[in-house]
Amino acid sequence: GIPAIPGWLGRVRATRPQSDLAAAERQANVRGAFRAAGRVAGRHVLVVDDVLTTGATLGACARALRGAGARRIGVLTVARVLRAAV
């Protein structure tokens, strides 16, 4: 099996709820909000999130993991918000 290891990625500052924000605001809201433990260095990491809307949170998490030396980062989401074409 694949181990779930809490604590390898964590929030280092409070952020506003993403659901209250526009796409551009979401990026700024989570910038620098996450930090990864050095234990991820050289490892393949899978990040699991419930809903993918703009990808801002997952992007911020991936940047933190990459900064800590993660070798490969995968993403698994349960749902994705689709925007209707206008």
C-alpha atoms as a PDB file:
ATOM      1  CA  GLY A   1       0.000   0.000   0.000  1.00  0.00           C
ATOM      2  CA  ILE A   2       0.835   3.657  -0.127  1.00  0.00           C
ATOM      3  CA  PRO A   3       1.462   5.232   3.271  1.00  0.00           C
ATOM      4  CA  ALA A   4      -0.387   8.405   4.248  1.00  0.00           C
ATOM      5  CA  ILE A   5       2.044  10.542   6.199  1.00  0.00           C
ATOM      6  CA  PRO A   6       0.516  13.583   7.884  1.00  0.00           C
ATOM      7  CA  GLY A   7       2.938  16.350   8.697  1.00  0.00           C
ATOM      8  CA  TRP A   8       4.986  16.214   5.494  1.00  0.00           C
ATOM      9  CA  LEU A   9       3.006  19.153   4.146  1.00  0.00           C
ATOM     10  CA  GLY A  10       1.408  21.755   6.353  1.00  0.00           C
ATOM     11  CA  ARG A  11      -0.138  25.187   6.402  1.00  0.00           C
ATOM     12  CA  VAL A  12       2.176  27.795   7.937  1.00  0.00           C
ATOM     13  CA  ARG A  13      -0.245  30.702   7.947  1.00  0.00           C
ATOM     14  CA  ALA A  14      -3.975  31.233   7.995  1.00  0.00           C
ATOM     15  CA  THR A  15      -5.734  31.933   4.704  1.00  0.00           C
ATOM     16  CA  ARG A  16      -9.208  33.077   3.745  1.00  0.00           C
ATOM     17  CA  PRO A  17     -11.588  30.372   2.471  1.00  0.00           C
ATOM     18  CA  GLN A  18     -10.852  29.881  -1.243  1.00  0.00           C
ATOM     19  CA  SER A  19     -14.568  29.555  -2.037  1.00  0.00           C
ATOM     20  CA  ASP A  20     -15.014  33.258  -1.174  1.00  0.00           C
ATOM     21  CA  LEU A  21     -12.416  34.424  -3.727  1.00  0.00           C
ATOM     22  CA  ALA A  22     -12.043  35.035  -7.465  1.00  0.00           C
ATOM     23  CA  ALA A  23      -9.398  33.073  -9.382  1.00  0.00           C
ATOM     24  CA  ALA A  24      -6.660  35.730  -9.182  1.00  0.00           C
ATOM     25  CA  GLU A  25      -7.325  36.271  -5.484  1.00  0.00           C
ATOM     26  CA  ARG A  26      -7.018  32.539  -4.825  1.00  0.00           C
ATOM     27  CA  GLN A  27      -3.430  32.510  -6.118  1.00  0.00           C
ATOM     28  CA  ALA A  28      -2.408  35.375  -3.835  1.00  0.00           C
ATOM     29  CA  ASN A  29      -4.315  33.929  -0.886  1.00  0.00           C
ATOM     30  CA  VAL A  30      -2.319  30.672  -0.779  1.00  0.00           C
ATOM     31  CA  ARG A  31       1.062  31.980  -1.949  1.00  0.00           C
ATOM     32  CA  GLY A  32       3.591  30.927   0.697  1.00  0.00           C
ATOM     33  CA  ALA A  33       0.888  29.394   2.900  1.00  0.00           C
ATOM     34  CA  PHE A  34       2.341  25.860   2.862  1.00  0.00           C
ATOM     35  CA  ARG A  35       5.640  24.323   3.905  1.00  0.00           C
ATOM     36  CA  ALA A  36       6.912  20.819   3.258  1.00  0.00           C
ATOM     37  CA  ALA A  37       9.171  18.808   5.546  1.00  0.00           C
ATOM     38  CA  GLY A  38      12.653  17.974   4.329  1.00  0.00           C
ATOM     39  CA  ARG A  39      11.745  14.280   4.544  1.00  0.00           C
ATOM     40  CA  VAL A  40      10.091  14.603   1.114  1.00  0.00           C
ATOM     41  CA  ALA A  41      13.471  15.124  -0.583  1.00  0.00           C
ATOM     42  CA  GLY A  42      13.987  12.597  -3.370  1.00  0.00           C
ATOM     43  CA  ARG A  43      10.561  11.021  -2.877  1.00  0.00           C
ATOM     44  CA  HIS A  44       7.478  10.675  -5.033  1.00  0.00           C
ATOM     45  CA  VAL A  45       4.583  12.426  -3.276  1.00  0.00           C
ATOM     46  CA  LEU A  46       0.849  12.193  -3.962  1.00  0.00           C
ATOM     47  CA  VAL A  47      -1.277  15.145  -2.817  1.00  0.00           C
ATOM     48  CA  VAL A  48      -4.975  14.398  -2.277  1.00  0.00           C
ATOM     49  CA  ASP A  49      -7.541  17.220  -2.313  1.00  0.00           C
ATOM     50  CA  ASP A  50     -11.322  17.161  -2.295  1.00  0.00           C
ATOM     51  CA  VAL A  51     -12.185  19.711  -5.015  1.00  0.00           C
ATOM     52  CA  LEU A  52     -10.109  21.259  -7.812  1.00  0.00           C
ATOM     53  CA  THR A  53     -11.432  24.659  -8.868  1.00  0.00           C
ATOM     54  CA  THR A  54      -8.557  26.856 -10.079  1.00  0.00           C
ATOM     55  CA  GLY A  55      -5.629  24.717  -8.918  1.00  0.00           C
ATOM     56  CA  ALA A  56      -4.295  27.520  -6.707  1.00  0.00           C
ATOM     57  CA  THR A  57      -4.079  25.432  -3.538  1.00  0.00           C
ATOM     58  CA  LEU A  58      -2.564  22.419  -5.276  1.00  0.00           C
ATOM     59  CA  GLY A  59      -0.084  24.684  -7.064  1.00  0.00           C
ATOM     60  CA  ALA A  60       1.008  26.234  -3.772  1.00  0.00           C
ATOM     61  CA  CYS A  61       1.380  22.771  -2.235  1.00  0.00           C
ATOM     62  CA  ALA A  62       3.398  21.533  -5.223  1.00  0.00           C
ATOM     63  CA  ARG A  63       5.733  24.543  -5.018  1.00  0.00           C
ATOM     64  CA  ALA A  64       6.344  23.861  -1.321  1.00  0.00           C
ATOM     65  CA  LEU A  65       7.024  20.172  -1.999  1.00  0.00           C
ATOM     66  CA  ARG A  66       9.329  20.943  -4.926  1.00  0.00           C
ATOM     67  CA  GLY A  67      11.164  23.495  -2.770  1.00  0.00           C
ATOM     68  CA  ALA A  68      11.756  20.793  -0.155  1.00  0.00           C
ATOM     69  CA  GLY A  69      13.196  18.476  -2.810  1.00  0.00           C
ATOM     70  CA  ALA A  70      10.303  16.187  -3.758  1.00  0.00           C
ATOM     71  CA  ARG A  71      11.317  14.228  -6.848  1.00  0.00           C
ATOM     72  CA  ARG A  72       7.855  13.775  -8.348  1.00  0.00           C
ATOM     73  CA  ILE A  73       4.497  15.215  -7.314  1.00  0.00           C
ATOM     74  CA  GLY A  74       1.172  13.674  -8.255  1.00  0.00           C
ATOM     75  CA  VAL A  75      -2.305  15.020  -7.598  1.00  0.00           C
ATOM     76  CA  LEU A  76      -5.554  13.201  -6.898  1.00  0.00           C
ATOM     77  CA  THR A  77      -8.826  15.101  -6.568  1.00  0.00           C
ATOM     78  CA  VAL A  78     -12.296  13.780  -5.909  1.00  0.00           C
ATOM     79  CA  ALA A  79     -14.105  16.434  -7.959  1.00  0.00           C
ATOM     80  CA  ARG A  80     -13.356  19.240 -10.396  1.00  0.00           C
ATOM     81  CA  VAL A  81     -15.430  22.380 -10.894  1.00  0.00           C
ATOM     82  CA  LEU A  82     -16.264  22.881 -14.567  1.00  0.00           C
ATOM     83  CA  ARG A  83     -16.949  26.362 -15.870  1.00  0.00           C
ATOM     84  CA  ALA A  84     -19.556  26.800 -18.596  1.00  0.00           C
ATOM     85  CA  ALA A  85     -18.258  28.346 -21.833  1.00  0.00           C
ATOM     86  CA  VAL A  86     -19.721  31.799 -22.406  1.00  0.00           C
END
